[in-house]
Protein backbone atom coordinates (compact mmCIF):
# COMPACT_ATOMS: atom_id res chain seq x y z
CA UNK A 1 100.45 130.74 15.88
CA UNK A 2 102.63 128.03 14.65
CA UNK A 3 102.47 129.49 11.38
CA UNK A 4 103.82 132.69 12.38
CA UNK A 5 106.50 130.99 14.55
CA UNK A 6 107.61 129.11 10.70
CA UNK A 7 107.74 132.41 9.07
CA UNK A 8 109.86 133.66 12.02
CA UNK A 9 112.59 130.69 11.81
CA UNK A 10 112.70 130.99 7.68
CA UNK A 11 113.53 134.54 7.95
CA UNK A 12 115.99 133.86 10.76
CA UNK A 13 117.61 130.72 8.42
CA UNK A 14 117.72 133.15 5.43
CA UNK A 15 119.48 135.95 7.22
CA UNK A 16 122.33 133.63 8.63
CA UNK A 17 123.06 132.00 4.81
CA UNK A 18 123.11 135.39 3.41
CA UNK A 19 125.84 136.75 6.35
CA UNK A 20 127.65 133.46 6.00
CA UNK A 21 127.36 133.86 2.17
CA UNK A 22 128.74 137.25 2.79
CA UNK A 23 132.05 135.41 4.50
CA UNK A 24 133.30 133.57 1.79
CA UNK A 25 136.39 134.98 0.53
CA UNK A 26 136.66 135.90 -2.89
CA UNK A 27 139.13 135.21 -5.15
CA UNK A 28 142.51 137.37 -4.77
CA UNK A 29 144.86 137.71 -7.22
CA UNK A 30 148.35 137.62 -6.08
CA UNK A 31 151.26 138.43 -8.86
CA UNK A 32 154.41 137.22 -8.58
CA UNK A 33 155.63 139.75 -10.01
CA UNK A 34 159.56 138.97 -8.89
CA UNK A 35 158.88 135.90 -10.70
CA UNK A 36 158.57 136.78 -14.20
CA UNK A 37 160.59 135.22 -16.37
CA UNK A 38 162.03 136.68 -19.58
CA UNK A 39 162.97 134.16 -22.17
CA UNK A 40 165.46 136.47 -24.66
CA UNK A 41 167.65 133.67 -25.86
CA UNK A 42 166.05 134.52 -29.64
CA UNK A 43 166.57 138.47 -29.46
CA UNK A 44 163.64 138.58 -31.97
CA UNK A 45 161.74 136.41 -30.32
CA UNK A 46 161.07 137.25 -26.55
CA UNK A 47 158.76 135.76 -24.14
CA UNK A 48 157.39 136.71 -20.89
CA UNK A 49 155.83 134.21 -18.56
CA UNK A 50 153.64 136.08 -15.37
CA UNK A 51 153.25 133.60 -12.58
CA UNK A 52 149.94 134.47 -10.54
CA UNK A 53 148.66 133.38 -7.34
CA UNK A 54 144.79 132.97 -7.02
CA UNK A 55 143.64 132.90 -2.94
CA UNK A 56 140.36 131.01 -2.51
CA UNK A 57 139.66 130.11 -6.46
CA UNK A 58 136.19 129.68 -7.49
CA UNK A 59 135.13 125.77 -7.78
CA UNK A 60 132.89 126.80 -11.21
CA UNK A 61 135.45 126.54 -14.27
CA UNK A 62 132.82 128.64 -15.85
CA UNK A 63 133.20 130.92 -13.01
CA UNK A 64 137.15 130.94 -12.61
CA UNK A 65 137.84 131.12 -16.59
CA UNK A 66 135.98 134.05 -16.71
CA UNK A 67 137.65 135.72 -13.40
CA UNK A 68 141.37 134.96 -15.20
CA UNK A 69 140.19 136.49 -18.34
CA UNK A 70 139.09 139.87 -16.58
CA UNK A 71 142.45 139.79 -14.72
CA UNK A 72 144.69 139.17 -17.88
CA UNK A 73 142.81 141.95 -19.91
CA UNK A 74 143.26 144.36 -17.09
CA UNK A 75 147.00 143.32 -17.12
CA UNK A 76 147.04 143.79 -20.60
CA UNK A 77 145.58 147.61 -20.52
CA UNK A 78 148.77 148.50 -18.66
CA UNK A 79 151.18 146.19 -20.32
CA UNK A 80 153.59 147.71 -22.98
CA UNK A 81 155.48 144.51 -23.45
CA UNK A 82 153.70 143.34 -26.44
CA UNK A 83 154.09 146.62 -28.12
CA UNK A 84 157.76 146.13 -27.89
CA UNK A 85 158.91 144.86 -31.36
CA UNK A 86 161.34 141.78 -29.97
CA UNK A 87 158.09 140.60 -27.78
CA UNK A 88 156.74 137.88 -29.10
CA UNK A 89 154.53 136.17 -26.59
CA UNK A 90 152.88 136.59 -23.06
CA UNK A 91 152.46 133.84 -20.88
CA UNK A 92 150.32 134.01 -17.35
CA UNK A 93 150.38 131.11 -15.62
CA UNK A 94 148.09 130.61 -12.49
CA UNK A 95 148.27 128.90 -9.30
CA UNK A 96 146.66 127.82 -6.61
CA UNK A 97 147.32 129.33 -3.20
CA UNK A 98 148.43 127.02 -1.17
CA UNK A 99 151.22 126.04 2.09
CA UNK A 100 153.04 124.96 -0.93
CA UNK A 101 152.79 128.05 -3.38
CA UNK A 102 152.82 130.49 -0.63
CA UNK A 103 156.35 130.24 -0.23
CA UNK A 104 156.70 131.89 -3.87
CA UNK A 105 155.23 135.13 -2.92
CA UNK A 106 158.43 136.01 -1.02
CA UNK A 107 161.41 133.84 -2.45
CA UNK A 108 162.08 133.51 -5.81
CA UNK A 109 162.32 129.61 -7.49
CA UNK A 110 165.17 127.83 -7.04
CA UNK A 111 166.43 125.25 -9.29
CA UNK A 112 170.04 124.23 -7.91
CA UNK A 113 170.92 122.07 -5.41
CA UNK A 114 169.42 119.41 -3.24
CA UNK A 115 166.90 121.83 -1.85
CA UNK A 116 165.65 123.01 -5.56
CA UNK A 117 162.22 124.38 -5.18
CA UNK A 118 160.31 125.59 -8.46
CA UNK A 119 156.69 126.30 -8.92
CA UNK A 120 156.33 123.43 -11.67
CA UNK A 121 156.62 120.92 -8.55
CA UNK A 122 153.28 121.69 -7.73
CA UNK A 123 151.10 120.65 -10.39
CA UNK A 124 148.38 119.37 -8.07
CA UNK A 125 148.38 123.39 -7.45
CA UNK A 126 148.14 124.42 -11.02
CA UNK A 127 144.91 126.01 -12.54
CA UNK A 128 145.58 127.40 -16.21
CA UNK A 129 148.01 129.60 -18.92
CA UNK A 130 146.66 132.31 -20.68
CA UNK A 131 148.51 132.69 -23.86
CA UNK A 132 149.38 135.53 -25.86
CA UNK A 133 150.95 135.24 -28.85
CA UNK A 134 151.84 137.96 -31.55
CA UNK A 135 151.40 137.27 -35.39
CA UNK A 136 151.08 138.93 -38.21
CA UNK A 137 149.35 142.30 -37.53
CA UNK A 138 147.70 141.20 -34.23
CA UNK A 139 147.46 139.11 -32.02
CA UNK A 140 146.24 135.35 -30.86
CA UNK A 141 144.87 134.65 -27.22
CA UNK A 142 144.00 131.64 -25.73
CA UNK A 143 143.23 130.17 -22.51
CA UNK A 144 144.05 126.26 -20.97
CA UNK A 145 142.23 125.72 -17.92
CA UNK A 146 144.10 122.58 -16.04
CA UNK A 147 143.11 119.50 -17.90
CA UNK A 148 140.64 120.89 -20.20
CA UNK A 149 141.29 121.14 -24.12
CA UNK A 150 143.16 125.08 -24.86
CA UNK A 151 140.41 127.53 -26.03
CA UNK A 152 140.96 130.16 -28.65
CA UNK A 153 139.66 133.50 -27.25
CA UNK A 154 140.49 136.25 -29.66
CA UNK A 155 142.33 136.00 -33.02
CA UNK A 156 143.45 138.86 -35.24
CA UNK A 157 145.86 137.69 -37.16
CA UNK A 158 146.11 138.08 -41.09
CA UNK A 159 145.41 135.24 -42.93
């Protein structure tokens, strides 16, 4: 009888853990399109930066890095900027969605005056950069995950 009761308790615990794990939120990528920064000081070397918030980033670096890579790869499929002759690079900058960075979902950065509000002020919420740089005959893709060294993901440049 105790054996049967132990099995029932085990099954109940397993079901509760399964339900609780399903309730955990998955990473949500929030593109801050209104904050896209185009540095066109040099007309033949345009650099474009995209800012993205991640709500509930995975605490495991390997999983988080893979999810960022998948996000960028998906964005690059529809992005025509790299095909433009004068575009030199794309930079995807990722921050954790917090009370501080949530401000930028509906507001642009404000760098002037006493009440300046810039996303770079929240370095504790910085997650990663994914950098794509055009080169002779191809592109180089690198990822910088917070305090880890850069990792080259792809390099199709001619030597």
